[in-house]
Amino acid sequence: MKQKELADLTNEELLQEAKKIKTNNIYDAAIFGFLIGVAVYSAVRNGFGLLTFLPLIYVPIAAKNKIRNKEVERLVKEKGLK
């Protein structure tokens, strides 16, 4: 199922997305921190290898999430919903 475009969301759906932003930021930080921990452990234990560069795989995903969150905040502010 495709996600709706942000501009097509109703006001209620947009407010729900805005409430999820803080939680999503915490999840992104936790996942990234875990991946950094795995990379450091791998580098110390086995030297540089595939797991050392694992956090680099998650960077584009986190960047996409951040862009979407900023767009949601912009739409909420534009519509004057908060």
PDB file of N, CA and C in Angstrom:
ATOM      1  N   MET A   1       0.838  -1.180   0.000  1.00  0.00           N
ATOM      2  CA  MET A   1       0.000   0.000   0.000  1.00  0.00           C
ATOM      3  C   MET A   1       0.885   1.245   0.000  1.00  0.00           C
ATOM      4  N   LYS A   2       0.588   2.151  -0.893  1.00  0.00           N
ATOM      5  CA  LYS A   2       1.353   3.385  -0.983  1.00  0.00           C
ATOM      6  C   LYS A   2       0.918   4.361   0.094  1.00  0.00           C
ATOM      7  N   GLN A   3       1.874   5.096   0.606  1.00  0.00           N
ATOM      8  CA  GLN A   3       1.523   6.132   1.579  1.00  0.00           C
ATOM      9  C   GLN A   3       0.915   7.313   0.833  1.00  0.00           C
ATOM     10  N   LYS A   4      -0.039   7.947   1.485  1.00  0.00           N
ATOM     11  CA  LYS A   4      -0.644   9.134   0.898  1.00  0.00           C
ATOM     12  C   LYS A   4       0.373  10.259   0.822  1.00  0.00           C
ATOM     13  N   GLU A   5       0.211  11.101  -0.150  1.00  0.00           N
ATOM     14  CA  GLU A   5       1.011  12.311  -0.210  1.00  0.00           C
ATOM     15  C   GLU A   5       0.628  13.182   0.986  1.00  0.00           C
ATOM     16  N   LEU A   6       1.581  13.880   1.519  1.00  0.00           N
ATOM     17  CA  LEU A   6       1.313  14.700   2.704  1.00  0.00           C
ATOM     18  C   LEU A   6       0.287  15.790   2.431  1.00  0.00           C
ATOM     19  N   ALA A   7       0.298  16.338   1.236  1.00  0.00           N
ATOM     20  CA  ALA A   7      -0.645  17.405   0.904  1.00  0.00           C
ATOM     21  C   ALA A   7      -2.072  16.885   0.826  1.00  0.00           C
ATOM     22  N   ASP A   8      -2.237  15.584   0.581  1.00  0.00           N
ATOM     23  CA  ASP A   8      -3.569  14.992   0.455  1.00  0.00           C
ATOM     24  C   ASP A   8      -4.164  14.547   1.780  1.00  0.00           C
ATOM     25  N   LEU A   9      -3.402  14.632   2.855  1.00  0.00           N
ATOM     26  CA  LEU A   9      -3.889  14.201   4.162  1.00  0.00           C
ATOM     27  C   LEU A   9      -4.929  15.181   4.700  1.00  0.00           C
ATOM     28  N   THR A  10      -5.895  14.637   5.427  1.00  0.00           N
ATOM     29  CA  THR A  10      -6.862  15.497   6.091  1.00  0.00           C
ATOM     30  C   THR A  10      -6.174  16.159   7.282  1.00  0.00           C
ATOM     31  N   ASN A  11      -6.852  17.135   7.864  1.00  0.00           N
ATOM     32  CA  ASN A  11      -6.276  17.830   9.020  1.00  0.00           C
ATOM     33  C   ASN A  11      -6.032  16.871  10.185  1.00  0.00           C
ATOM     34  N   GLU A  12      -6.968  15.951  10.428  1.00  0.00           N
ATOM     35  CA  GLU A  12      -6.808  14.991  11.526  1.00  0.00           C
ATOM     36  C   GLU A  12      -5.621  14.071  11.275  1.00  0.00           C
ATOM     37  N   GLU A  13      -5.493  13.578  10.044  1.00  0.00           N
ATOM     38  CA  GLU A  13      -4.378  12.695   9.713  1.00  0.00           C
ATOM     39  C   GLU A  13      -3.049  13.433   9.823  1.00  0.00           C
ATOM     40  N   LEU A  14      -3.052  14.691   9.422  1.00  0.00           N
ATOM     41  CA  LEU A  14      -1.841  15.500   9.509  1.00  0.00           C
ATOM     42  C   LEU A  14      -1.437  15.723  10.971  1.00  0.00           C
ATOM     43  N   LEU A  15      -2.403  15.953  11.841  1.00  0.00           N
ATOM     44  CA  LEU A  15      -2.102  16.111  13.262  1.00  0.00           C
ATOM     45  C   LEU A  15      -1.581  14.812  13.870  1.00  0.00           C
ATOM     46  N   GLN A  16      -2.104  13.673  13.420  1.00  0.00           N
ATOM     47  CA  GLN A  16      -1.601  12.387  13.893  1.00  0.00           C
ATOM     48  C   GLN A  16      -0.150  12.182  13.466  1.00  0.00           C
ATOM     49  N   GLU A  17       0.167  12.554  12.239  1.00  0.00           N
ATOM     50  CA  GLU A  17       1.547  12.454  11.751  1.00  0.00           C
ATOM     51  C   GLU A  17       2.463  13.370  12.558  1.00  0.00           C
ATOM     52  N   ALA A  18       1.975  14.549  12.903  1.00  0.00           N
ATOM     53  CA  ALA A  18       2.775  15.494  13.685  1.00  0.00           C
ATOM     54  C   ALA A  18       3.051  14.938  15.083  1.00  0.00           C
ATOM     55  N   LYS A  19       2.107  14.220  15.659  1.00  0.00           N
ATOM     56  CA  LYS A  19       2.308  13.632  16.984  1.00  0.00           C
ATOM     57  C   LYS A  19       3.341  12.506  16.943  1.00  0.00           C
ATOM     58  N   LYS A  20       3.478  11.839  15.808  1.00  0.00           N
ATOM     59  CA  LYS A  20       4.414  10.719  15.670  1.00  0.00           C
ATOM     60  C   LYS A  20       5.862  11.181  15.485  1.00  0.00           C
ATOM     61  N   ILE A  21       6.077  12.453  15.202  1.00  0.00           N
ATOM     62  CA  ILE A  21       7.413  12.949  14.876  1.00  0.00           C
ATOM     63  C   ILE A  21       8.406  12.711  16.007  1.00  0.00           C
ATOM     64  N   LYS A  22       8.040  13.046  17.227  1.00  0.00           N
ATOM     65  CA  LYS A  22       8.968  12.902  18.355  1.00  0.00           C
ATOM     66  C   LYS A  22       9.343  11.435  18.557  1.00  0.00           C
ATOM     67  N   THR A  23       8.358  10.554  18.471  1.00  0.00           N
ATOM     68  CA  THR A  23       8.610   9.126  18.624  1.00  0.00           C
ATOM     69  C   THR A  23       9.528   8.616  17.517  1.00  0.00           C
ATOM     70  N   ASN A  24       9.272   9.056  16.291  1.00  0.00           N
ATOM     71  CA  ASN A  24      10.101   8.620  15.163  1.00  0.00           C
ATOM     72  C   ASN A  24      11.541   9.101  15.317  1.00  0.00           C
ATOM     73  N   ASN A  25      11.720  10.311  15.822  1.00  0.00           N
ATOM     74  CA  ASN A  25      13.075  10.827  16.048  1.00  0.00           C
ATOM     75  C   ASN A  25      13.815   9.988  17.095  1.00  0.00           C
ATOM     76  N   ILE A  26      13.103   9.573  18.132  1.00  0.00           N
ATOM     77  CA  ILE A  26      13.703   8.740  19.172  1.00  0.00           C
ATOM     78  C   ILE A  26      14.085   7.375  18.592  1.00  0.00           C
ATOM     79  N   TYR A  27      13.200   6.797  17.782  1.00  0.00           N
ATOM     80  CA  TYR A  27      13.508   5.513  17.144  1.00  0.00           C
ATOM     81  C   TYR A  27      14.730   5.626  16.238  1.00  0.00           C
ATOM     82  N   ASP A  28      14.790   6.675  15.436  1.00  0.00           N
ATOM     83  CA  ASP A  28      15.936   6.876  14.550  1.00  0.00           C
ATOM     84  C   ASP A  28      17.230   6.975  15.345  1.00  0.00           C
ATOM     85  N   ALA A  29      17.193   7.745  16.426  1.00  0.00           N
ATOM     86  CA  ALA A  29      18.393   7.910  17.254  1.00  0.00           C
ATOM     87  C   ALA A  29      18.794   6.585  17.914  1.00  0.00           C
ATOM     88  N   ALA A  30      17.817   5.827  18.386  1.00  0.00           N
ATOM     89  CA  ALA A  30      18.115   4.548  19.033  1.00  0.00           C
ATOM     90  C   ALA A  30      18.704   3.550  18.038  1.00  0.00           C
ATOM     91  N   ILE A  31      18.122   3.462  16.870  1.00  0.00           N
ATOM     92  CA  ILE A  31      18.635   2.537  15.853  1.00  0.00           C
ATOM     93  C   ILE A  31      20.040   2.943  15.435  1.00  0.00           C
ATOM     94  N   PHE A  32      20.235   4.234  15.204  1.00  0.00           N
ATOM     95  CA  PHE A  32      21.552   4.706  14.785  1.00  0.00           C
ATOM     96  C   PHE A  32      22.589   4.466  15.887  1.00  0.00           C
ATOM     97  N   GLY A  33      22.223   4.707  17.132  1.00  0.00           N
ATOM     98  CA  GLY A  33      23.123   4.457  18.254  1.00  0.00           C
ATOM     99  C   GLY A  33      23.474   2.986  18.375  1.00  0.00           C
ATOM    100  N   PHE A  34      22.487   2.118  18.196  1.00  0.00           N
ATOM    101  CA  PHE A  34      22.742   0.680  18.227  1.00  0.00           C
ATOM    102  C   PHE A  34      23.701   0.280  17.110  1.00  0.00           C
ATOM    103  N   LEU A  35      23.484   0.804  15.918  1.00  0.00           N
ATOM    104  CA  LEU A  35      24.357   0.470  14.791  1.00  0.00           C
ATOM    105  C   LEU A  35      25.781   0.980  15.008  1.00  0.00           C
ATOM    106  N   ILE A  36      25.906   2.156  15.612  1.00  0.00           N
ATOM    107  CA  ILE A  36      27.240   2.679  15.942  1.00  0.00           C
ATOM    108  C   ILE A  36      27.921   1.750  16.948  1.00  0.00           C
ATOM    109  N   GLY A  37      27.163   1.293  17.937  1.00  0.00           N
ATOM    110  CA  GLY A  37      27.705   0.359  18.921  1.00  0.00           C
ATOM    111  C   GLY A  37      28.177  -0.938  18.284  1.00  0.00           C
ATOM    112  N   VAL A  38      27.384  -1.479  17.371  1.00  0.00           N
ATOM    113  CA  VAL A  38      27.770  -2.700  16.664  1.00  0.00           C
ATOM    114  C   VAL A  38      29.029  -2.456  15.849  1.00  0.00           C
ATOM    115  N   ALA A  39      29.111  -1.301  15.192  1.00  0.00           N
ATOM    116  CA  ALA A  39      30.281  -0.984  14.369  1.00  0.00           C
ATOM    117  C   ALA A  39      31.539  -0.862  15.228  1.00  0.00           C
ATOM    118  N   VAL A  40      31.425  -0.192  16.364  1.00  0.00           N
ATOM    119  CA  VAL A  40      32.588  -0.030  17.247  1.00  0.00           C
ATOM    120  C   VAL A  40      33.018  -1.385  17.800  1.00  0.00           C
ATOM    121  N   TYR A  41      32.063  -2.173  18.247  1.00  0.00           N
ATOM    122  CA  TYR A  41      32.381  -3.501  18.767  1.00  0.00           C
ATOM    123  C   TYR A  41      33.060  -4.349  17.688  1.00  0.00           C
ATOM    124  N   SER A  42      32.510  -4.311  16.486  1.00  0.00           N
ATOM    125  CA  SER A  42      33.076  -5.083  15.384  1.00  0.00           C
ATOM    126  C   SER A  42      34.489  -4.623  15.048  1.00  0.00           C
ATOM    127  N   ALA A  43      34.707  -3.316  15.054  1.00  0.00           N
ATOM    128  CA  ALA A  43      36.034  -2.785  14.725  1.00  0.00           C
ATOM    129  C   ALA A  43      37.052  -3.163  15.795  1.00  0.00           C
ATOM    130  N   VAL A  44      36.649  -3.120  17.048  1.00  0.00           N
ATOM    131  CA  VAL A  44      37.563  -3.466  18.138  1.00  0.00           C
ATOM    132  C   VAL A  44      37.829  -4.970  18.165  1.00  0.00           C
ATOM    133  N   ARG A  45      36.789  -5.733  17.983  1.00  0.00           N
ATOM    134  CA  ARG A  45      36.890  -7.195  18.112  1.00  0.00           C
ATOM    135  C   ARG A  45      37.553  -7.852  16.895  1.00  0.00           C
ATOM    136  N   ASN A  46      37.129  -7.451  15.678  1.00  0.00           N
ATOM    137  CA  ASN A  46      37.565  -8.145  14.466  1.00  0.00           C
ATOM    138  C   ASN A  46      38.320  -7.260  13.491  1.00  0.00           C
ATOM    139  N   GLY A  47      38.541  -6.020  13.816  1.00  0.00           N
ATOM    140  CA  GLY A  47      39.150  -5.104  12.863  1.00  0.00           C
ATOM    141  C   GLY A  47      38.079  -4.581  11.918  1.00  0.00           C
ATOM    142  N   PHE A  48      38.500  -3.839  10.933  1.00  0.00           N
ATOM    143  CA  PHE A  48      37.540  -3.256  10.007  1.00  0.00           C
ATOM    144  C   PHE A  48      36.969  -4.330   9.098  1.00  0.00           C
ATOM    145  N   GLY A  49      35.657  -4.293   8.949  1.00  0.00           N
ATOM    146  CA  GLY A  49      34.962  -5.259   8.108  1.00  0.00           C
ATOM    147  C   GLY A  49      33.620  -4.704   7.688  1.00  0.00           C
ATOM    148  N   LEU A  50      32.756  -5.578   7.244  1.00  0.00           N
ATOM    149  CA  LEU A  50      31.434  -5.168   6.762  1.00  0.00           C
ATOM    150  C   LEU A  50      30.604  -4.505   7.861  1.00  0.00           C
ATOM    151  N   LEU A  51      30.616  -5.065   9.055  1.00  0.00           N
ATOM    152  CA  LEU A  51      29.799  -4.511  10.140  1.00  0.00           C
ATOM    153  C   LEU A  51      30.286  -3.145  10.612  1.00  0.00           C
ATOM    154  N   THR A  52      31.520  -2.825  10.326  1.00  0.00           N
ATOM    155  CA  THR A  52      32.052  -1.525  10.724  1.00  0.00           C
ATOM    156  C   THR A  52      31.344  -0.396   9.990  1.00  0.00           C
ATOM    157  N   PHE A  53      30.925  -0.663   8.773  1.00  0.00           N
ATOM    158  CA  PHE A  53      30.294   0.366   7.953  1.00  0.00           C
ATOM    159  C   PHE A  53      28.772   0.241   7.916  1.00  0.00           C
ATOM    160  N   LEU A  54      28.215  -0.564   8.787  1.00  0.00           N
ATOM    161  CA  LEU A  54      26.775  -0.782   8.861  1.00  0.00           C
ATOM    162  C   LEU A  54      25.975   0.505   9.098  1.00  0.00           C
ATOM    163  N   PRO A  55      26.412   1.424   9.954  1.00  0.00           N
ATOM    164  CA  PRO A  55      25.631   2.642  10.163  1.00  0.00           C
ATOM    165  C   PRO A  55      25.459   3.488   8.896  1.00  0.00           C
ATOM    166  N   LEU A  56      26.383   3.374   7.961  1.00  0.00           N
ATOM    167  CA  LEU A  56      26.264   4.145   6.728  1.00  0.00           C
ATOM    168  C   LEU A  56      25.057   3.736   5.895  1.00  0.00           C
ATOM    169  N   ILE A  57      24.583   2.516   6.096  1.00  0.00           N
ATOM    170  CA  ILE A  57      23.408   2.041   5.372  1.00  0.00           C
ATOM    171  C   ILE A  57      22.152   2.740   5.891  1.00  0.00           C
ATOM    172  N   TYR A  58      22.124   3.071   7.171  1.00  0.00           N
ATOM    173  CA  TYR A  58      20.932   3.666   7.770  1.00  0.00           C
ATOM    174  C   TYR A  58      20.859   5.181   7.585  1.00  0.00           C
ATOM    175  N   VAL A  59      21.943   5.824   7.247  1.00  0.00           N
ATOM    176  CA  VAL A  59      21.956   7.284   7.107  1.00  0.00           C
ATOM    177  C   VAL A  59      20.924   7.784   6.083  1.00  0.00           C
ATOM    178  N   PRO A  60      20.818   7.201   4.882  1.00  0.00           N
ATOM    179  CA  PRO A  60      19.801   7.694   3.939  1.00  0.00           C
ATOM    180  C   PRO A  60      18.368   7.514   4.434  1.00  0.00           C
ATOM    181  N   ILE A  61      18.127   6.449   5.173  1.00  0.00           N
ATOM    182  CA  ILE A  61      16.788   6.216   5.718  1.00  0.00           C
ATOM    183  C   ILE A  61      16.442   7.282   6.750  1.00  0.00           C
ATOM    184  N   ALA A  62      17.384   7.576   7.636  1.00  0.00           N
ATOM    185  CA  ALA A  62      17.161   8.606   8.646  1.00  0.00           C
ATOM    186  C   ALA A  62      17.004   9.982   8.003  1.00  0.00           C
ATOM    187  N   ALA A  63      17.756  10.252   6.951  1.00  0.00           N
ATOM    188  CA  ALA A  63      17.641  11.540   6.256  1.00  0.00           C
ATOM    189  C   ALA A  63      16.267  11.679   5.601  1.00  0.00           C
ATOM    190  N   LYS A  64      15.773  10.605   5.014  1.00  0.00           N
ATOM    191  CA  LYS A  64      14.441  10.631   4.396  1.00  0.00           C
ATOM    192  C   LYS A  64      13.361  10.886   5.451  1.00  0.00           C
ATOM    193  N   ASN A  65      13.509  10.241   6.619  1.00  0.00           N
ATOM    194  CA  ASN A  65      12.562  10.454   7.710  1.00  0.00           C
ATOM    195  C   ASN A  65      12.579  11.908   8.188  1.00  0.00           C
ATOM    196  N   LYS A  66      13.776  12.478   8.275  1.00  0.00           N
ATOM    197  CA  LYS A  66      13.907  13.864   8.737  1.00  0.00           C
ATOM    198  C   LYS A  66      13.261  14.831   7.751  1.00  0.00           C
ATOM    199  N   ILE A  67      13.433  14.590   6.466  1.00  0.00           N
ATOM    200  CA  ILE A  67      12.824  15.449   5.443  1.00  0.00           C
ATOM    201  C   ILE A  67      11.305  15.357   5.529  1.00  0.00           C
ATOM    202  N   ARG A  68      10.785  14.148   5.712  1.00  0.00           N
ATOM    203  CA  ARG A  68       9.333  13.969   5.824  1.00  0.00           C
ATOM    204  C   ARG A  68       8.804  14.680   7.078  1.00  0.00           C
ATOM    205  N   ASN A  69       9.529  14.586   8.187  1.00  0.00           N
ATOM    206  CA  ASN A  69       9.091  15.249   9.420  1.00  0.00           C
ATOM    207  C   ASN A  69       9.049  16.758   9.252  1.00  0.00           C
ATOM    208  N   LYS A  70      10.044  17.318   8.584  1.00  0.00           N
ATOM    209  CA  LYS A  70      10.051  18.765   8.352  1.00  0.00           C
ATOM    210  C   LYS A  70       8.883  19.183   7.472  1.00  0.00           C
ATOM    211  N   GLU A  71       8.549  18.356   6.488  1.00  0.00           N
ATOM    212  CA  GLU A  71       7.420  18.657   5.602  1.00  0.00           C
ATOM    213  C   GLU A  71       6.103  18.618   6.373  1.00  0.00           C
ATOM    214  N   VAL A  72       5.957  17.648   7.265  1.00  0.00           N
ATOM    215  CA  VAL A  72       4.747  17.566   8.096  1.00  0.00           C
ATOM    216  C   VAL A  72       4.641  18.804   8.977  1.00  0.00           C
ATOM    217  N   GLU A  73       5.745  19.180   9.617  1.00  0.00           N
ATOM    218  CA  GLU A  73       5.731  20.375  10.468  1.00  0.00           C
ATOM    219  C   GLU A  73       5.391  21.627   9.667  1.00  0.00           C
ATOM    220  N   ARG A  74       5.915  21.724   8.454  1.00  0.00           N
ATOM    221  CA  ARG A  74       5.628  22.876   7.608  1.00  0.00           C
ATOM    222  C   ARG A  74       4.146  22.930   7.249  1.00  0.00           C
ATOM    223  N   LEU A  75       3.551  21.784   6.904  1.00  0.00           N
ATOM    224  CA  LEU A  75       2.135  21.754   6.539  1.00  0.00           C
ATOM    225  C   LEU A  75       1.243  22.075   7.736  1.00  0.00           C
ATOM    226  N   VAL A  76       1.616  21.572   8.903  1.00  0.00           N
ATOM    227  CA  VAL A  76       0.828  21.865  10.115  1.00  0.00           C
ATOM    228  C   VAL A  76       0.867  23.361  10.404  1.00  0.00           C
ATOM    229  N   LYS A  77       2.050  23.951  10.299  1.00  0.00           N
ATOM    230  CA  LYS A  77       2.189  25.388  10.554  1.00  0.00           C
ATOM    231  C   LYS A  77       1.451  26.199   9.498  1.00  0.00           C
ATOM    232  N   GLU A  78       1.545  25.754   8.239  1.00  0.00           N
ATOM    233  CA  GLU A  78       0.889  26.458   7.129  1.00  0.00           C
ATOM    234  C   GLU A  78      -0.621  26.469   7.281  1.00  0.00           C
ATOM    235  N   LYS A  79      -1.182  25.333   7.737  1.00  0.00           N
ATOM    236  CA  LYS A  79      -2.627  25.220   7.914  1.00  0.00           C
ATOM    237  C   LYS A  79      -3.082  25.774   9.257  1.00  0.00           C
ATOM    238  N   GLY A  80      -2.139  26.102  10.132  1.00  0.00           N
ATOM    239  CA  GLY A  80      -2.482  26.661  11.436  1.00  0.00           C
ATOM    240  C   GLY A  80      -3.187  25.673  12.339  1.00  0.00           C
ATOM    241  N   LEU A  81      -2.734  24.423  12.337  1.00  0.00           N
ATOM    242  CA  LEU A  81      -3.424  23.399  13.107  1.00  0.00           C
ATOM    243  C   LEU A  81      -2.946  23.285  14.540  1.00  0.00           C
ATOM    244  N   LYS A  82      -1.764  23.748  14.860  1.00  0.00           N
ATOM    245  CA  LYS A  82      -1.281  23.609  16.243  1.00  0.00           C
ATOM    246  C   LYS A  82      -1.639  24.806  17.043  1.00  0.00           C
TER     247      LYS A  82
END
